[in-house]
Protein backbone atom coordinates (compact mmCIF):
# COMPACT_ATOMS: atom_id res chain seq x y z
CA MET A 1 227.01 8.94 7.32
CA ASN A 2 228.18 10.84 10.40
CA VAL A 3 227.27 10.18 14.03
CA ALA A 4 224.26 12.52 14.01
CA ALA A 5 222.80 10.89 10.90
CA TRP A 6 223.31 7.36 12.21
CA THR A 7 221.82 8.34 15.57
CA PHE A 8 218.76 9.82 13.91
CA VAL A 9 218.29 6.66 11.83
CA MET A 10 218.71 4.30 14.80
CA VAL A 11 216.46 6.31 17.12
CA ALA A 12 213.80 6.86 14.45
CA LEU A 13 213.67 3.16 13.56
CA SER A 14 213.46 2.09 17.21
CA PHE A 15 210.73 4.65 17.97
CA ALA A 16 208.75 3.53 14.92
CA LEU A 17 209.05 -0.05 16.18
CA TYR A 18 207.80 0.89 19.67
CA ILE A 19 204.85 2.88 18.33
CA GLY A 20 203.93 0.11 15.89
CA VAL A 21 203.97 -2.48 18.67
CA ALA A 22 201.88 -0.20 20.90
CA LEU A 23 199.24 0.20 18.18
CA TRP A 24 199.16 -3.55 17.55
CA SER A 25 198.79 -4.43 21.23
CA ARG A 26 196.69 -1.56 22.59
CA ALA A 27 194.58 -2.29 25.66
CA ARG A 28 190.82 -2.53 25.35
CA SER A 29 189.88 -3.38 28.96
CA THR A 30 191.10 -2.67 32.49
CA GLY A 31 192.47 -6.21 32.70
CA GLU A 32 194.59 -5.63 29.60
CA PHE A 33 195.58 -2.14 30.77
CA TYR A 34 196.66 -3.26 34.27
CA VAL A 35 198.08 -6.78 33.79
CA ALA A 36 197.84 -7.62 30.04
CA ALA A 37 194.90 -9.92 30.89
CA ALA A 38 197.42 -12.33 32.52
CA ARG A 39 198.14 -13.97 29.17
CA VAL A 40 201.83 -13.26 28.65
CA ARG A 41 204.14 -16.24 28.10
CA PRO A 42 207.02 -16.72 30.58
CA VAL A 43 209.86 -16.12 28.08
CA ILE A 44 208.18 -12.96 26.78
CA ASN A 45 207.42 -11.84 30.32
CA GLY A 46 211.02 -12.54 31.36
CA MET A 47 212.33 -10.37 28.55
CA ALA A 48 209.86 -7.58 29.34
CA THR A 49 210.74 -7.82 33.04
CA ALA A 50 214.43 -7.49 32.20
CA ALA A 51 213.75 -4.36 30.14
CA ASP A 52 211.48 -2.98 32.87
CA TRP A 53 214.12 -3.61 35.53
CA MET A 54 217.24 -2.59 33.55
CA SER A 55 216.65 1.13 33.53
CA ALA A 56 218.77 4.08 32.44
CA ALA A 57 220.67 3.49 35.67
CA SER A 58 221.71 0.03 34.46
CA PHE A 59 222.47 1.00 30.87
CA ILE A 60 223.79 4.55 31.14
CA SER A 61 224.93 5.16 34.69
CA MET A 62 225.97 1.93 36.41
CA ALA A 63 229.15 1.37 34.39
CA GLY A 64 229.90 5.08 34.74
CA LEU A 65 229.67 4.83 38.50
CA ILE A 66 231.89 1.74 38.54
CA ALA A 67 234.36 3.54 36.26
CA PHE A 68 234.71 6.34 38.82
CA MET A 69 234.22 4.37 42.03
CA GLY A 70 236.22 1.27 41.14
CA ARG A 71 235.63 -1.61 43.53
CA ASP A 72 233.09 0.40 45.54
CA GLY A 73 230.79 0.36 42.51
CA SER A 74 230.28 -3.37 43.02
CA VAL A 75 227.51 -2.53 45.51
CA PHE A 76 225.24 -1.79 42.55
CA LEU A 77 226.00 -5.12 40.88
CA MET A 78 225.56 -7.14 44.08
CA GLY A 79 222.54 -5.25 45.33
CA TRP A 80 220.48 -5.14 42.16
CA THR A 81 221.27 -8.68 41.02
CA GLY A 82 220.90 -10.20 44.50
CA GLY A 83 217.66 -8.33 44.97
CA TYR A 84 216.21 -9.84 41.86
CA VAL A 85 216.99 -13.34 43.14
CA LEU A 86 215.30 -12.40 46.41
CA LEU A 87 212.25 -11.22 44.50
CA ALA A 88 212.09 -14.39 42.42
CA LEU A 89 212.34 -16.72 45.42
CA LEU A 90 210.39 -14.96 48.16
CA LEU A 91 207.79 -12.72 46.56
CA ALA A 92 206.87 -13.34 42.94
CA PRO A 93 205.12 -16.73 43.20
CA TYR A 94 203.14 -15.76 46.30
CA LEU A 95 201.98 -12.44 44.95
CA ARG A 96 200.97 -14.13 41.69
CA LYS A 97 198.94 -16.63 43.68
CA PHE A 98 197.15 -13.70 45.31
CA GLY A 99 196.03 -12.75 41.79
CA LYS A 100 195.28 -9.03 41.96
CA TYR A 101 196.38 -6.05 39.90
CA THR A 102 198.78 -4.08 42.11
CA VAL A 103 200.93 -4.07 45.24
CA PRO A 104 198.52 -1.70 47.06
CA ASP A 105 195.83 -4.26 46.17
CA PHE A 106 197.74 -6.89 48.12
CA VAL A 107 198.44 -4.53 51.03
CA GLY A 108 194.82 -3.35 51.20
CA ASP A 109 193.29 -6.84 51.14
CA ARG A 110 195.95 -8.54 53.27
CA TYR A 111 195.67 -5.86 55.96
CA TYR A 112 191.89 -5.52 55.55
CA SER A 113 192.04 -1.73 55.61
CA ARG A 114 191.44 1.23 53.33
CA THR A 115 194.03 3.14 55.34
CA ALA A 116 196.67 0.51 54.58
CA ARG A 117 195.73 0.66 50.90
CA VAL A 118 196.02 4.46 50.81
CA VAL A 119 199.39 4.39 52.60
CA ALA A 120 200.61 1.81 50.06
CA VAL A 121 199.33 4.01 47.20
CA VAL A 122 201.23 7.01 48.56
CA CYS A 123 204.39 4.92 48.95
CA ALA A 124 204.02 3.52 45.40
CA ILE A 125 203.61 6.99 43.90
CA PHE A 126 206.47 8.44 45.96
CA VAL A 127 208.88 5.63 45.02
CA SER A 128 207.82 5.61 41.37
CA PHE A 129 208.25 9.36 40.88
CA THR A 130 211.69 9.24 42.49
CA TYR A 131 212.67 6.40 40.17
CA VAL A 132 211.18 7.86 37.00
CA ALA A 133 213.15 11.11 37.49
CA GLY A 134 216.33 9.17 36.78
CA GLN A 135 214.86 7.69 33.59
CA MET A 136 213.83 11.06 32.21
CA ARG A 137 217.26 12.45 33.05
CA GLY A 138 218.81 9.65 30.99
CA VAL A 139 216.51 10.42 28.04
CA GLY A 140 217.51 14.09 28.20
CA ILE A 141 221.24 13.26 28.21
CA VAL A 142 220.97 11.03 25.14
CA PHE A 143 218.98 13.55 23.11
CA SER A 144 221.18 16.42 24.26
CA ARG A 145 224.37 14.89 22.91
CA PHE A 146 223.32 12.92 19.88
CA LEU A 147 220.52 15.04 18.42
CA GLY A 148 221.94 18.42 19.38
CA VAL A 149 219.01 19.58 21.51
CA GLY A 150 218.95 20.76 25.11
CA ILE A 151 218.40 18.30 27.95
CA GLU A 152 215.02 19.95 28.62
CA THR A 153 213.93 19.45 25.00
CA GLY A 154 215.17 15.86 25.09
CA VAL A 155 213.08 15.15 28.18
CA VAL A 156 210.00 16.60 26.46
CA ILE A 157 210.53 14.36 23.40
CA GLY A 158 210.85 11.33 25.67
CA MET A 159 207.69 12.33 27.51
CA GLY A 160 205.78 12.35 24.24
CA ILE A 161 206.92 8.86 23.23
CA VAL A 162 206.22 7.34 26.67
CA PHE A 163 202.84 9.06 26.85
CA PHE A 164 201.82 7.55 23.53
CA TYR A 165 202.48 3.89 24.17
CA ALA A 166 201.90 3.85 27.95
CA VAL A 167 198.55 5.63 27.79
CA LEU A 168 197.38 3.85 24.65
CA GLY A 169 198.61 0.34 25.31
CA GLY A 170 198.63 0.03 29.11
CA MET A 171 200.38 -3.07 30.44
CA LYS A 172 199.59 -5.07 27.31
CA GLY A 173 201.19 -2.51 25.02
CA ILE A 174 204.06 -1.86 27.43
CA THR A 175 204.86 -5.57 27.72
CA TYR A 176 205.37 -6.15 24.02
CA THR A 177 207.05 -2.78 23.56
CA GLN A 178 209.49 -3.71 26.33
CA VAL A 179 210.37 -6.93 24.52
CA ALA A 180 211.42 -4.84 21.52
CA GLN A 181 213.26 -2.42 23.81
CA TYR A 182 215.17 -5.24 25.48
CA CYS A 183 216.40 -6.48 22.12
CA VAL A 184 217.56 -2.96 21.22
CA LEU A 185 219.24 -2.20 24.55
CA ILE A 186 221.10 -5.51 24.96
CA PHE A 187 222.38 -5.42 21.37
CA ALA A 188 223.44 -1.78 21.86
CA TYR A 189 225.28 -2.64 25.09
CA LEU A 190 227.10 -5.76 23.90
CA VAL A 191 228.23 -4.65 20.44
CA PRO A 192 230.52 -1.77 21.57
CA ALA A 193 231.72 -3.83 24.55
CA ILE A 194 232.84 -6.60 22.17
CA PHE A 195 234.50 -4.10 19.83
CA ILE A 196 236.44 -2.40 22.64
CA SER A 197 237.41 -5.70 24.28
CA LEU A 198 238.95 -6.76 20.96
CA LEU A 199 240.80 -3.45 20.60
CA LEU A 200 242.23 -3.46 24.14
CA THR A 201 242.80 -7.15 24.83
CA GLY A 202 242.27 -9.03 21.58
CA ILE A 203 239.50 -11.07 23.22
CA PRO A 204 235.92 -10.76 21.90
CA VAL A 205 234.22 -11.73 25.18
CA PRO A 206 234.19 -8.62 27.44
CA GLN A 207 233.81 -10.65 30.63
CA ILE A 208 237.05 -12.50 29.83
CA GLY A 209 238.85 -9.47 28.40
CA PHE A 210 238.20 -7.64 31.68
CA GLY A 211 240.68 -9.95 33.45
CA SER A 212 243.12 -10.41 30.60
CA THR A 213 246.40 -8.86 29.43
CA LEU A 214 246.50 -5.93 27.03
CA ALA A 215 246.87 -6.56 23.29
CA ASP A 216 249.92 -4.29 23.02
CA GLY A 217 252.30 -7.16 23.78
CA SER A 218 253.42 -5.73 27.12
CA GLY A 219 251.96 -8.63 29.10
CA THR A 220 250.35 -6.13 31.48
CA PHE A 221 246.90 -6.98 32.79
CA LEU A 222 244.18 -4.46 32.01
CA LEU A 223 243.37 -3.86 35.69
CA ASP A 224 247.05 -3.43 36.58
CA ARG A 225 247.38 -0.84 33.83
CA LEU A 226 244.25 0.92 35.10
CA ASP A 227 245.54 0.91 38.68
CA GLY A 228 248.78 2.48 37.49
CA LEU A 229 247.03 5.18 35.46
CA THR A 230 244.76 6.22 38.32
CA THR A 231 247.46 6.32 41.00
CA GLU A 232 249.82 8.29 38.73
CA LEU A 233 247.14 10.98 38.45
CA GLY A 234 246.55 11.17 42.20
CA PHE A 235 243.45 8.98 42.42
CA GLY A 236 243.13 5.92 44.63
CA ALA A 237 243.85 2.58 42.95
CA TYR A 238 240.92 1.48 40.80
CA THR A 239 240.72 -1.93 42.47
CA ALA A 240 240.92 -0.46 46.00
CA GLY A 241 237.78 0.33 47.98
CA ARG A 242 237.30 3.56 49.91
CA LYS A 243 233.80 3.14 51.32
CA GLY A 244 233.35 1.94 54.89
CA THR A 245 232.34 -1.68 55.30
CA LEU A 246 229.07 -0.79 57.03
CA ASP A 247 228.09 1.62 54.26
CA VAL A 248 228.86 -1.01 51.60
CA LEU A 249 226.69 -3.54 53.43
CA ALA A 250 223.90 -0.98 53.94
CA ILE A 251 223.83 0.09 50.28
CA THR A 252 223.90 -3.52 49.08
CA ALA A 253 221.07 -4.47 51.47
CA ALA A 254 219.00 -1.42 50.53
CA LEU A 255 219.38 -2.19 46.83
CA MET A 256 218.56 -5.87 47.35
CA VAL A 257 215.38 -5.46 49.35
CA GLY A 258 214.50 -2.34 47.37
CA THR A 259 214.55 -4.40 44.19
CA ALA A 260 212.23 -6.91 45.79
CA GLY A 261 209.89 -4.11 46.86
CA LEU A 262 209.69 -2.14 43.62
CA PRO A 263 206.03 -2.05 42.54
CA HIS A 264 206.66 -1.80 38.79
CA VAL A 265 208.73 -5.01 38.86
CA ILE A 266 206.34 -6.94 41.10
CA VAL A 267 203.35 -6.16 38.90
CA ARG A 268 205.05 -7.93 35.98
CA PHE A 269 204.39 -11.28 37.68
CA TYR A 270 200.65 -10.62 37.53
CA THR A 271 200.80 -10.81 33.73
CA VAL A 272 201.13 -14.63 33.59
CA ARG A 273 198.38 -17.14 34.31
CA LYS A 274 200.06 -19.58 36.71
CA VAL A 275 202.29 -19.57 39.77
CA LYS A 276 204.63 -21.92 37.93
CA GLN A 277 204.85 -19.42 35.08
CA ALA A 278 205.70 -16.65 37.54
CA ARG A 279 208.71 -18.67 38.72
CA SER A 280 209.69 -19.43 35.13
CA SER A 281 209.40 -15.75 34.20
CA ALA A 282 211.75 -14.84 37.06
CA GLY A 283 214.33 -17.34 35.84
CA TRP A 284 214.22 -16.09 32.25
CA ALA A 285 214.45 -12.48 33.41
CA LEU A 286 217.53 -13.26 35.51
CA LEU A 287 219.22 -14.80 32.47
CA PHE A 288 218.42 -11.80 30.29
CA ILE A 289 219.57 -9.39 33.02
CA ALA A 290 222.85 -11.27 33.51
CA LEU A 291 223.86 -10.59 29.90
CA LEU A 292 224.18 -6.88 30.71
CA TYR A 293 225.24 -7.06 34.35
CA THR A 294 228.18 -9.39 33.77
CA THR A 295 229.36 -7.04 31.01
CA ALA A 296 229.09 -3.79 33.02
CA PRO A 297 232.37 -4.14 35.02
CA ALA A 298 234.28 -4.69 31.77
CA VAL A 299 232.61 -1.68 30.13
CA ALA A 300 233.55 0.44 33.16
CA ALA A 301 237.20 -0.60 33.02
CA PHE A 302 237.39 -0.11 29.25
CA ALA A 303 235.80 3.36 29.51
CA ARG A 304 238.10 4.61 32.25
CA THR A 305 241.23 3.23 30.56
CA ASN A 306 240.33 4.92 27.28
CA LEU A 307 239.42 8.17 29.04
CA LEU A 308 242.68 8.42 31.00
CA THR A 309 244.89 7.57 28.02
CA THR A 310 243.01 9.96 25.71
CA VAL A 311 242.48 13.11 27.78
CA SER A 312 245.01 13.38 30.62
CA ASP A 313 247.74 16.01 30.01
CA THR A 314 246.49 16.60 26.46
CA PRO A 315 246.70 20.13 24.98
CA TYR A 316 243.17 21.50 24.91
CA ALA A 317 243.69 22.65 21.34
CA ASP A 318 244.33 19.04 20.30
CA VAL A 319 241.44 17.29 22.08
CA PRO A 320 239.58 14.74 19.93
CA ALA A 321 236.17 15.51 18.45
CA TRP A 322 234.28 13.46 21.05
CA PHE A 323 235.50 15.83 23.77
CA THR A 324 234.20 18.99 22.10
CA ASN A 325 230.93 17.24 21.19
CA TRP A 326 230.24 16.34 24.82
CA GLU A 327 231.56 19.71 26.03
CA ALA A 328 228.77 21.37 24.07
CA THR A 329 226.21 19.60 26.26
CA GLY A 330 227.77 20.92 29.48
CA LEU A 331 228.31 17.38 30.76
CA ILE A 332 232.10 17.64 30.51
CA THR A 333 233.91 20.91 31.26
CA PHE A 334 237.52 22.12 31.21
CA ASP A 335 238.74 24.97 33.45
CA ASP A 336 242.38 25.89 32.70
CA LYS A 337 243.36 26.83 36.25
CA ASN A 338 247.11 27.16 35.63
CA GLY A 339 246.84 28.68 32.16
CA ASP A 340 249.13 26.20 30.42
CA GLY A 341 246.56 25.13 27.84
CA ARG A 342 246.81 21.45 28.82
CA ILE A 343 244.13 19.33 30.49
CA GLN A 344 245.18 18.25 33.97
CA TYR A 345 242.81 15.54 35.11
CA THR A 346 243.98 14.75 38.64
CA GLY A 347 242.71 13.31 41.88
CA PRO A 348 242.78 14.85 45.36
CA ALA A 349 246.23 13.38 46.08
CA ALA A 350 247.88 15.18 43.14
CA SER A 351 249.87 18.41 43.50
CA THR A 352 248.31 20.02 40.42
CA PRO A 353 244.66 21.14 40.53
CA ASN A 354 242.00 19.15 38.70
CA GLU A 355 240.79 21.03 35.63
CA LEU A 356 238.31 18.50 34.21
CA THR A 357 234.76 17.86 35.37
CA ILE A 358 233.01 14.79 33.94
CA ASP A 359 229.38 13.82 34.42
CA ARG A 360 229.43 10.11 35.25
CA ASP A 361 226.31 9.52 33.19
CA ILE A 362 228.19 10.09 29.92
CA MET A 363 230.76 7.30 30.29
CA VAL A 364 228.84 4.50 28.54
CA LEU A 365 227.42 6.84 25.90
CA ALA A 366 230.78 8.43 25.13
CA ASN A 367 232.74 5.18 25.29
CA PRO A 368 232.29 4.21 21.60
CA GLU A 369 233.42 7.67 20.50
CA ILE A 370 236.42 7.65 22.84
CA ALA A 371 237.42 4.27 21.39
CA ARG A 372 236.86 5.60 17.83
CA LEU A 373 234.28 2.97 16.93
CA PRO A 374 232.20 3.31 13.72
CA ALA A 375 229.46 5.96 13.70
CA TRP A 376 226.71 3.35 13.46
CA VAL A 377 227.84 1.86 16.79
CA VAL A 378 227.57 5.29 18.44
CA GLY A 379 224.04 5.68 17.07
CA LEU A 380 223.14 2.19 18.25
CA VAL A 381 224.28 3.01 21.80
CA ALA A 382 222.12 6.14 21.78
CA ALA A 383 219.08 4.07 20.75
CA GLY A 384 219.90 1.51 23.46
CA GLY A 385 220.12 4.19 26.17
CA LEU A 386 216.73 5.53 25.15
CA ALA A 387 215.25 2.01 25.13
CA ALA A 388 216.48 1.37 28.67
CA ALA A 389 215.15 4.66 30.01
CA LEU A 390 211.80 4.57 28.23
CA SER A 391 211.02 0.93 29.07
CA THR A 392 211.38 1.50 32.81
CA ALA A 393 209.67 4.90 32.68
CA ALA A 394 206.63 3.30 31.06
CA GLY A 395 206.38 0.63 33.76
CA LEU A 396 206.66 3.24 36.51
CA LEU A 397 204.04 5.49 34.95
CA LEU A 398 201.67 2.54 34.73
CA VAL A 399 202.16 1.91 38.47
CA ILE A 400 201.28 5.54 39.17
CA SER A 401 198.19 5.52 36.96
CA THR A 402 196.86 2.21 38.31
CA SER A 403 197.52 3.33 41.88
CA VAL A 404 195.36 6.39 41.29
CA ALA A 405 192.60 4.83 39.18
CA HIS A 406 192.32 1.32 40.64
CA ASP A 407 193.54 1.53 44.23
CA LEU A 408 192.61 5.08 45.19
CA LEU A 409 189.36 5.55 43.25
CA LYS A 410 187.89 2.13 42.37
CA LYS A 411 188.87 0.43 45.62
CA THR A 412 188.60 3.36 48.03
CA LEU A 413 186.89 6.61 47.04
CA ALA A 414 184.49 5.68 44.22
CA PRO A 415 183.85 1.91 44.10
CA SER A 416 180.79 2.31 41.87
CA ILE A 417 182.59 3.73 38.83
CA THR A 418 182.32 1.73 35.63
CA GLU A 419 185.19 -0.15 34.02
CA HIS A 420 185.13 2.28 31.07
CA ARG A 421 185.45 5.29 33.38
CA GLU A 422 188.15 3.60 35.44
CA LEU A 423 190.18 2.98 32.26
CA LEU A 424 189.71 6.61 31.22
CA ILE A 425 190.88 7.87 34.62
CA ALA A 426 193.91 5.56 34.49
CA ARG A 427 194.91 7.05 31.13
CA VAL A 428 194.40 10.62 32.35
CA ALA A 429 196.45 9.84 35.48
CA ALA A 430 199.22 8.43 33.27
CA GLY A 431 199.21 11.66 31.28
CA PHE A 432 199.59 13.81 34.40
CA ALA A 433 202.29 11.45 35.67
CA VAL A 434 204.27 11.93 32.44
CA ILE A 435 204.22 15.71 32.93
CA ILE A 436 205.38 15.50 36.55
CA ALA A 437 208.03 12.93 35.63
CA GLY A 438 209.30 15.28 32.95
CA TYR A 439 209.72 18.06 35.49
CA PHE A 440 211.78 15.81 37.75
CA GLY A 441 213.80 14.69 34.73
CA ILE A 442 214.75 18.31 34.03
CA HIS A 443 215.47 19.03 37.70
CA PRO A 444 216.78 15.72 39.14
CA PRO A 445 218.43 15.53 42.60
CA GLY A 446 221.58 13.73 41.34
CA PHE A 447 223.12 11.38 38.80
CA VAL A 448 220.82 8.80 37.20
CA ALA A 449 222.07 5.86 39.26
CA GLU A 450 222.10 7.95 42.46
CA VAL A 451 218.47 8.94 41.94
CA VAL A 452 217.50 5.35 41.25
CA ALA A 453 219.44 4.16 44.31
CA LEU A 454 217.37 6.55 46.43
CA ALA A 455 214.17 5.08 44.98
CA PHE A 456 215.34 1.58 45.89
CA GLY A 457 216.05 2.76 49.45
CA LEU A 458 212.52 4.16 49.73
CA ALA A 459 211.05 0.90 48.42
CA ALA A 460 213.17 -1.08 50.89
CA ALA A 461 211.95 1.00 53.83
CA SER A 462 208.27 0.87 52.88
CA PHE A 463 207.00 -1.97 50.69
CA PHE A 464 209.33 -4.86 51.34
CA PRO A 465 208.62 -5.40 55.08
CA ALA A 466 204.86 -5.05 54.57
CA ILE A 467 204.88 -7.59 51.74
CA ILE A 468 207.23 -10.13 53.30
CA LEU A 469 205.50 -10.01 56.69
CA GLY A 470 202.13 -10.16 54.96
CA ILE A 471 203.13 -13.40 53.22
CA PHE A 472 204.98 -15.19 56.02
CA SER A 473 203.37 -13.92 59.25
CA LYS A 474 199.75 -14.63 60.04
CA ARG A 475 200.12 -12.48 63.18
CA MET A 476 200.95 -9.29 61.29
CA ASN A 477 197.97 -6.94 61.36
CA VAL A 478 196.94 -3.60 59.90
CA TYR A 479 198.21 -1.57 62.86
CA GLY A 480 201.71 -2.96 62.62
CA ALA A 481 201.94 -2.82 58.82
CA VAL A 482 200.72 0.78 58.47
CA SER A 483 202.83 2.05 61.36
CA GLY A 484 205.89 0.29 59.98
CA MET A 485 205.45 1.67 56.46
CA VAL A 486 204.94 5.23 57.68
CA ALA A 487 207.91 5.06 60.05
CA GLY A 488 210.22 3.38 57.55
CA ILE A 489 209.58 5.63 54.57
CA GLY A 490 209.34 8.72 56.81
CA PHE A 491 212.76 8.13 58.37
CA THR A 492 214.39 7.24 55.05
CA ALA A 493 212.88 10.16 53.13
CA ALA A 494 213.83 12.63 55.90
CA TYR A 495 217.44 11.39 55.91
CA ILE A 496 217.68 11.63 52.12
CA ILE A 497 216.10 15.07 51.95
CA TYR A 498 218.35 16.39 54.74
CA PHE A 499 221.61 15.36 53.06
CA LYS A 500 220.62 15.59 49.39
CA MET A 501 218.48 18.74 49.34
CA LEU A 502 218.64 20.75 52.57
CA HIS A 503 222.32 20.36 53.47
CA PRO A 504 224.27 18.89 50.53
CA GLU A 505 227.45 20.42 51.96
CA LEU A 506 227.18 17.93 54.86
CA ASN A 507 226.74 14.93 52.56
CA THR A 508 230.03 13.29 53.56
CA ALA A 509 230.96 10.20 55.57
CA ALA A 510 232.01 12.42 58.47
CA HIS A 511 228.42 13.64 58.95
CA TRP A 512 226.43 10.52 58.07
CA TRP A 513 224.83 8.55 60.88
CA LEU A 514 227.09 5.55 61.57
CA GLY A 515 228.86 6.37 58.32
CA ILE A 516 225.85 5.25 56.25
CA SER A 517 225.20 7.26 53.09
CA PRO A 518 221.75 8.37 51.84
CA GLU A 519 221.99 5.58 49.22
CA GLY A 520 222.24 2.98 52.00
CA ILE A 521 219.92 4.45 54.64
CA GLY A 522 216.97 2.47 53.24
CA ALA A 523 218.43 -0.61 54.96
CA ILE A 524 218.07 1.12 58.34
CA GLY A 525 214.60 2.33 57.37
CA MET A 526 213.67 -1.28 56.62
CA LEU A 527 214.84 -2.41 60.08
CA ILE A 528 212.86 0.40 61.69
CA ASN A 529 209.81 -0.64 59.67
CA VAL A 530 210.12 -4.29 60.75
CA ALA A 531 210.76 -3.45 64.42
CA ILE A 532 207.79 -1.11 64.69
CA ALA A 533 205.51 -3.39 62.67
CA VAL A 534 206.30 -6.50 64.74
CA GLY A 535 206.14 -4.60 68.04
CA ILE A 536 202.79 -2.94 67.38
CA ALA A 537 201.29 -6.14 65.91
CA ALA A 538 202.23 -7.98 69.12
CA LEU A 539 200.40 -5.37 71.22
CA THR A 540 197.23 -5.19 69.13
CA PRO A 541 194.52 -7.72 68.13
CA PRO A 542 195.47 -10.37 65.56
CA PRO A 543 194.02 -10.28 62.02
CA PRO A 544 190.58 -11.84 61.42
CA ALA A 545 190.47 -15.58 60.79
CA LEU A 546 189.57 -14.96 57.14
CA VAL A 547 192.80 -13.00 56.62
CA GLN A 548 194.86 -15.68 58.35
CA ALA A 549 193.31 -18.25 56.03
CA LEU A 550 194.25 -16.01 53.09
CA VAL A 551 197.89 -16.11 54.23
CA ASP A 552 197.79 -19.92 54.31
CA GLU A 553 196.23 -19.95 50.85
CA ILE A 554 198.93 -17.66 49.43
CA ARG A 555 201.79 -19.64 50.90
CA VAL A 556 200.48 -23.15 50.13
CA PRO A 557 198.31 -22.99 47.01
CA ARG A 558 195.75 -25.72 46.54
CA GLY A 559 196.92 -28.12 43.87
CA ALA A 560 200.51 -26.96 44.20
CA GLY A 561 202.84 -28.85 41.94
CA PRO A 562 201.51 -28.63 38.39
CA GLY A 563 201.13 -24.82 38.65
CA HIS A 564 197.85 -23.80 40.20
CA GLU A 565 195.84 -21.62 37.82
CA VAL A 566 194.50 -18.30 39.06
CA THR A 567 192.72 -15.45 37.40
CA ALA A 568 193.34 -11.76 37.90
């Protein structure tokens, strides 16, 4: 069978699996819809958390960014992985002890205010829609290339699948579907990486092959060869960094605290029964995440090496089939500026003009074809990319629907509605969220990983300070928390909109404030949030004694040690 046939088979089988799991585990109550009735086992929850957290940005775009950015791309590895450790140590057990459904639930009760709850709902929806745009973009790219449909049509197909199992199954259905999706995505990521590592270095372990010599007998290290290829073409050395130190630190910090503040990840720790199980879930998730994240740098190096040796200075008439296949999607383009019929792929330091434009989001997906791997491997990668995008999209859409139905209506505007009506409204809200997410997937503000990085910055500037101060500071009150959230997300969103949407021509280091990019500005937004929150809390009345007792209860659970049981 050819690539298209194998892709259709792999995608069809994986979709049938997801739909079957969703039907088997459909939610029948609000508790099952919101938090799977808090009955998920730690290993299962860890696997589902890994799938929820490893989005299209992790699977499709992260290695592509590293392939183009070289050492600078390490900010994504350090930020996202470090952030998960931060979440596991500082937030997950305490929020599980609190025992509610959502992050706005915690903010509303901890800060004893409907206003705080509404602000948290707005922040959750804003962050989630920004994040889900990147997932839908990834779905569109996969369908566009491998099933021969437009990106817009691909997004619509993805919307239909997510709508089915997110609306039908809620958190219970999503959890078990994400377990299946993790198995698909990690197998799809590792198999081609092992193949290519063997081809290039003769070593089956990509993490080791990344730092090894090439299998051609030259004794040249892979990274030395890659450095030579990139500098010969006028690019900076692959292993050299070009970002300013402050920007690297800011992006890493924004990604770290943004990870710890992402509502769709936090809510996963409400799906287990005990605080001890929340900690165990975090540990399992970190192990499952590490399988992909330790492989990504190797995949990036393999992809760029294969790209440069395959395409550069090649006659356009002789380009391999993978090039013309991706060219049909518009994600790779050739403009013969000097009319010689050859592809000049050059960097800014080269004397000849660059004639090749490559969308970074195709690097992982195209890598098996560039390396001439079997067609079934190409189809498997397509199914893995869809699994990564759809798993995270489902979690984000559930955050949006529960924020509307539970936090905005049940807890604020219409507290007397029945559980049946609340569940109906949550499903309707999820349906509307799918439609809006699809629009942003068709018209995203950047590459998948860039869009996701912006979402992490918004989460860092809004949720993280409110949550961390709410857990560890009895003095923090509603006035400080609300003011901090509004100021933090307002500043960060304004900075991002200015450089990404209003004035993209100014989106360079020369115009950024202190040299900090829009991807890193969430770190400054977080500091603004904390400064304003602490300052205003010091000038206003302290929280009621009942709330201060709640903080003590969250931080030091009664019966701590064996794993204090709580109910949602």
